[in-house]
PDB file of N, CA and C in Angstrom:
ATOM      1  N   UNK A   1       0.854  -1.175   0.000  1.00  0.00           N
ATOM      2  CA  UNK A   1       0.000   0.000   0.000  1.00  0.00           C
ATOM      3  C   UNK A   1       0.899   1.237   0.000  1.00  0.00           C
ATOM      4  N   UNK A   2       0.538   2.189  -0.795  1.00  0.00           N
ATOM      5  CA  UNK A   2       1.254   3.455  -0.909  1.00  0.00           C
ATOM      6  C   UNK A   2       1.248   4.183   0.443  1.00  0.00           C
ATOM      7  N   UNK A   3       2.356   4.852   0.808  1.00  0.00           N
ATOM      8  CA  UNK A   3       2.394   5.561   2.099  1.00  0.00           C
ATOM      9  C   UNK A   3       1.295   6.618   2.253  1.00  0.00           C
ATOM     10  N   UNK A   4       1.001   7.337   1.184  1.00  0.00           N
ATOM     11  CA  UNK A   4      -0.066   8.345   1.263  1.00  0.00           C
ATOM     12  C   UNK A   4      -1.418   7.658   1.431  1.00  0.00           C
ATOM     13  N   UNK A   5      -1.606   6.539   0.756  1.00  0.00           N
ATOM     14  CA  UNK A   5      -2.848   5.777   0.904  1.00  0.00           C
ATOM     15  C   UNK A   5      -3.002   5.306   2.348  1.00  0.00           C
ATOM     16  N   UNK A   6      -1.911   4.888   2.957  1.00  0.00           N
ATOM     17  CA  UNK A   6      -1.946   4.475   4.367  1.00  0.00           C
ATOM     18  C   UNK A   6      -2.348   5.634   5.263  1.00  0.00           C
ATOM     19  N   UNK A   7      -1.842   6.817   4.951  1.00  0.00           N
ATOM     20  CA  UNK A   7      -2.211   7.999   5.739  1.00  0.00           C
ATOM     21  C   UNK A   7      -3.703   8.286   5.605  1.00  0.00           C
ATOM     22  N   UNK A   8      -4.225   8.137   4.398  1.00  0.00           N
ATOM     23  CA  UNK A   8      -5.658   8.359   4.174  1.00  0.00           C
ATOM     24  C   UNK A   8      -6.471   7.410   5.047  1.00  0.00           C
ATOM     25  N   UNK A   9      -6.083   6.142   5.077  1.00  0.00           N
ATOM     26  CA  UNK A   9      -6.801   5.153   5.888  1.00  0.00           C
ATOM     27  C   UNK A   9      -6.732   5.528   7.363  1.00  0.00           C
ATOM     28  N   UNK A  10      -5.553   5.874   7.844  1.00  0.00           N
ATOM     29  CA  UNK A  10      -5.403   6.249   9.256  1.00  0.00           C
ATOM     30  C   UNK A  10      -6.263   7.454   9.598  1.00  0.00           C
ATOM     31  N   UNK A  11      -6.225   8.475   8.749  1.00  0.00           N
ATOM     32  CA  UNK A  11      -6.967   9.701   9.027  1.00  0.00           C
ATOM     33  C   UNK A  11      -8.474   9.474   8.952  1.00  0.00           C
ATOM     34  N   UNK A  12      -8.897   8.632   8.030  1.00  0.00           N
ATOM     35  CA  UNK A  12     -10.328   8.383   7.852  1.00  0.00           C
ATOM     36  C   UNK A  12     -10.864   7.447   8.929  1.00  0.00           C
ATOM     37  N   UNK A  13     -10.192   6.310   9.108  1.00  0.00           N
ATOM     38  CA  UNK A  13     -10.692   5.279  10.014  1.00  0.00           C
ATOM     39  C   UNK A  13     -10.453   5.634  11.475  1.00  0.00           C
ATOM     40  N   UNK A  14      -9.229   5.990  11.809  1.00  0.00           N
ATOM     41  CA  UNK A  14      -8.887   6.254  13.208  1.00  0.00           C
ATOM     42  C   UNK A  14      -9.126   7.703  13.618  1.00  0.00           C
ATOM     43  N   UNK A  15      -8.971   8.619  12.668  1.00  0.00           N
ATOM     44  CA  UNK A  15      -9.137  10.032  12.979  1.00  0.00           C
ATOM     45  C   UNK A  15     -10.539  10.555  12.752  1.00  0.00           C
ATOM     46  N   UNK A  16     -11.320   9.821  11.954  1.00  0.00           N
ATOM     47  CA  UNK A  16     -12.686  10.245  11.678  1.00  0.00           C
ATOM     48  C   UNK A  16     -12.794  11.495  10.823  1.00  0.00           C
ATOM     49  N   UNK A  17     -11.729  11.809  10.077  1.00  0.00           N
ATOM     50  CA  UNK A  17     -11.742  13.018   9.256  1.00  0.00           C
ATOM     51  C   UNK A  17     -12.551  12.814   7.980  1.00  0.00           C
ATOM     52  N   UNK A  18     -13.072  13.899   7.455  1.00  0.00           N
ATOM     53  CA  UNK A  18     -13.829  13.851   6.205  1.00  0.00           C
ATOM     54  C   UNK A  18     -12.870  13.824   5.020  1.00  0.00           C
ATOM     55  N   UNK A  19     -13.418  13.539   3.870  1.00  0.00           N
ATOM     56  CA  UNK A  19     -12.624  13.526   2.641  1.00  0.00           C
ATOM     57  C   UNK A  19     -11.964  14.881   2.414  1.00  0.00           C
ATOM     58  N   UNK A  20     -12.715  15.941   2.606  1.00  0.00           N
ATOM     59  CA  UNK A  20     -12.186  17.283   2.394  1.00  0.00           C
ATOM     60  C   UNK A  20     -11.078  17.617   3.390  1.00  0.00           C
ATOM     61  N   UNK A  21     -11.250  17.224   4.640  1.00  0.00           N
ATOM     62  CA  UNK A  21     -10.227  17.479   5.657  1.00  0.00           C
ATOM     63  C   UNK A  21      -8.934  16.736   5.343  1.00  0.00           C
ATOM     64  N   UNK A  22      -9.063  15.498   4.912  1.00  0.00           N
ATOM     65  CA  UNK A  22      -7.886  14.698   4.566  1.00  0.00           C
ATOM     66  C   UNK A  22      -7.181  15.304   3.360  1.00  0.00           C
ATOM     67  N   UNK A  23      -7.950  15.678   2.351  1.00  0.00           N
ATOM     68  CA  UNK A  23      -7.376  16.274   1.144  1.00  0.00           C
ATOM     69  C   UNK A  23      -6.595  17.537   1.480  1.00  0.00           C
ATOM     70  N   UNK A  24      -7.154  18.369   2.315  1.00  0.00           N
ATOM     71  CA  UNK A  24      -6.490  19.610   2.720  1.00  0.00           C
ATOM     72  C   UNK A  24      -5.212  19.315   3.498  1.00  0.00           C
ATOM     73  N   UNK A  25      -5.270  18.379   4.421  1.00  0.00           N
ATOM     74  CA  UNK A  25      -4.113  18.048   5.259  1.00  0.00           C
ATOM     75  C   UNK A  25      -2.968  17.450   4.447  1.00  0.00           C
ATOM     76  N   UNK A  26      -3.300  16.649   3.437  1.00  0.00           N
ATOM     77  CA  UNK A  26      -2.267  15.969   2.652  1.00  0.00           C
ATOM     78  C   UNK A  26      -1.906  16.702   1.362  1.00  0.00           C
ATOM     79  N   UNK A  27      -2.665  17.735   1.031  1.00  0.00           N
ATOM     80  CA  UNK A  27      -2.388  18.494  -0.185  1.00  0.00           C
ATOM     81  C   UNK A  27      -2.704  17.723  -1.457  1.00  0.00           C
ATOM     82  N   UNK A  28      -3.754  16.914  -1.406  1.00  0.00           N
ATOM     83  CA  UNK A  28      -4.190  16.162  -2.577  1.00  0.00           C
ATOM     84  C   UNK A  28      -5.662  16.455  -2.829  1.00  0.00           C
ATOM     85  N   UNK A  29      -6.135  16.094  -4.008  1.00  0.00           N
ATOM     86  CA  UNK A  29      -7.528  16.361  -4.373  1.00  0.00           C
ATOM     87  C   UNK A  29      -8.484  15.452  -3.595  1.00  0.00           C
ATOM     88  N   UNK A  30      -9.661  15.963  -3.249  1.00  0.00           N
ATOM     89  CA  UNK A  30     -10.651  15.129  -2.572  1.00  0.00           C
ATOM     90  C   UNK A  30     -10.989  13.861  -3.356  1.00  0.00           C
ATOM     91  N   UNK A  31     -10.999  13.967  -4.654  1.00  0.00           N
ATOM     92  CA  UNK A  31     -11.286  12.791  -5.486  1.00  0.00           C
ATOM     93  C   UNK A  31     -10.196  11.728  -5.326  1.00  0.00           C
ATOM     94  N   UNK A  32      -8.958  12.161  -5.173  1.00  0.00           N
ATOM     95  CA  UNK A  32      -7.855  11.224  -4.941  1.00  0.00           C
ATOM     96  C   UNK A  32      -8.028  10.535  -3.597  1.00  0.00           C
ATOM     97  N   UNK A  33      -8.442  11.276  -2.598  1.00  0.00           N
ATOM     98  CA  UNK A  33      -8.716  10.690  -1.283  1.00  0.00           C
ATOM     99  C   UNK A  33      -9.781   9.606  -1.423  1.00  0.00           C
ATOM    100  N   UNK A  34     -10.828   9.896  -2.168  1.00  0.00           N
ATOM    101  CA  UNK A  34     -11.890   8.923  -2.383  1.00  0.00           C
ATOM    102  C   UNK A  34     -11.391   7.664  -3.075  1.00  0.00           C
ATOM    103  N   UNK A  35     -10.538   7.836  -4.071  1.00  0.00           N
ATOM    104  CA  UNK A  35      -9.976   6.670  -4.776  1.00  0.00           C
ATOM    105  C   UNK A  35      -9.096   5.852  -3.850  1.00  0.00           C
ATOM    106  N   UNK A  36      -8.255   6.524  -3.069  1.00  0.00           N
ATOM    107  CA  UNK A  36      -7.386   5.813  -2.124  1.00  0.00           C
ATOM    108  C   UNK A  36      -8.215   5.056  -1.094  1.00  0.00           C
ATOM    109  N   UNK A  37      -9.268   5.671  -0.594  1.00  0.00           N
ATOM    110  CA  UNK A  37     -10.119   5.045   0.421  1.00  0.00           C
ATOM    111  C   UNK A  37     -10.824   3.819  -0.159  1.00  0.00           C
ATOM    112  N   UNK A  38     -11.359   3.944  -1.370  1.00  0.00           N
ATOM    113  CA  UNK A  38     -12.038   2.816  -2.015  1.00  0.00           C
ATOM    114  C   UNK A  38     -11.058   1.680  -2.288  1.00  0.00           C
ATOM    115  N   UNK A  39      -9.873   2.026  -2.732  1.00  0.00           N
ATOM    116  CA  UNK A  39      -8.849   1.017  -3.013  1.00  0.00           C
ATOM    117  C   UNK A  39      -8.432   0.290  -1.740  1.00  0.00           C
ATOM    118  N   UNK A  40      -8.293   1.015  -0.658  1.00  0.00           N
ATOM    119  CA  UNK A  40      -7.897   0.407   0.620  1.00  0.00           C
ATOM    120  C   UNK A  40      -8.981  -0.534   1.141  1.00  0.00           C
ATOM    121  N   UNK A  41     -10.240  -0.144   1.002  1.00  0.00           N
ATOM    122  CA  UNK A  41     -11.339  -1.018   1.427  1.00  0.00           C
ATOM    123  C   UNK A  41     -11.374  -2.297   0.605  1.00  0.00           C
ATOM    124  N   UNK A  42     -11.150  -2.175  -0.695  1.00  0.00           N
ATOM    125  CA  UNK A  42     -11.118  -3.348  -1.564  1.00  0.00           C
ATOM    126  C   UNK A  42      -9.963  -4.267  -1.186  1.00  0.00           C
ATOM    127  N   UNK A  43      -8.805  -3.687  -0.912  1.00  0.00           N
ATOM    128  CA  UNK A  43      -7.634  -4.469  -0.489  1.00  0.00           C
ATOM    129  C   UNK A  43      -7.948  -5.243   0.790  1.00  0.00           C
ATOM    130  N   UNK A  44      -8.563  -4.568   1.758  1.00  0.00           N
ATOM    131  CA  UNK A  44      -8.899  -5.210   3.026  1.00  0.00           C
ATOM    132  C   UNK A  44      -9.898  -6.349   2.815  1.00  0.00           C
ATOM    133  N   UNK A  45     -10.898  -6.129   1.991  1.00  0.00           N
ATOM    134  CA  UNK A  45     -11.884  -7.168   1.695  1.00  0.00           C
ATOM    135  C   UNK A  45     -11.210  -8.395   1.080  1.00  0.00           C
ATOM    136  N   UNK A  46     -10.308  -8.167   0.144  1.00  0.00           N
ATOM    137  CA  UNK A  46      -9.587  -9.282  -0.485  1.00  0.00           C
ATOM    138  C   UNK A  46      -8.743 -10.037   0.531  1.00  0.00           C
ATOM    139  N   UNK A  47      -8.052  -9.304   1.382  1.00  0.00           N
ATOM    140  CA  UNK A  47      -7.205  -9.943   2.393  1.00  0.00           C
ATOM    141  C   UNK A  47      -8.038 -10.767   3.368  1.00  0.00           C
ATOM    142  N   UNK A  48      -9.170 -10.233   3.778  1.00  0.00           N
ATOM    143  CA  UNK A  48     -10.030 -10.954   4.709  1.00  0.00           C
ATOM    144  C   UNK A  48     -10.618 -12.199   4.057  1.00  0.00           C
ATOM    145  N   UNK A  49     -10.982 -12.115   2.802  1.00  0.00           N
ATOM    146  CA  UNK A  49     -11.524 -13.267   2.077  1.00  0.00           C
ATOM    147  C   UNK A  49     -10.471 -14.350   1.927  1.00  0.00           C
ATOM    148  N   UNK A  50      -9.242 -13.948   1.688  1.00  0.00           N
ATOM    149  CA  UNK A  50      -8.146 -14.895   1.505  1.00  0.00           C
ATOM    150  C   UNK A  50      -7.855 -15.645   2.798  1.00  0.00           C
ATOM    151  N   UNK A  51      -7.915 -14.973   3.920  1.00  0.00           N
ATOM    152  CA  UNK A  51      -7.629 -15.579   5.220  1.00  0.00           C
ATOM    153  C   UNK A  51      -8.720 -16.571   5.607  1.00  0.00           C
ATOM    154  N   UNK A  52      -9.964 -16.273   5.277  1.00  0.00           N
ATOM    155  CA  UNK A  52     -11.091 -17.125   5.656  1.00  0.00           C
ATOM    156  C   UNK A  52     -11.108 -18.454   4.911  1.00  0.00           C
ATOM    157  N   UNK A  53     -10.462 -18.530   3.769  1.00  0.00           N
ATOM    158  CA  UNK A  53     -10.497 -19.762   2.960  1.00  0.00           C
ATOM    159  C   UNK A  53      -9.623 -20.835   3.505  1.00  0.00           C
TER     160      UNK A  53
END
């Protein structure tokens, strides 16, 4: 996982920040934050599915 993507996950999940707040803090577009968040959720779903098998 990309370091910035990891920061997005930490700020969103543990910090409870909004997409706009994360984008402002990291200096990236809100749409990029959304893509990183969606990608991280998909990664987690895949990892959890793999472990359960």
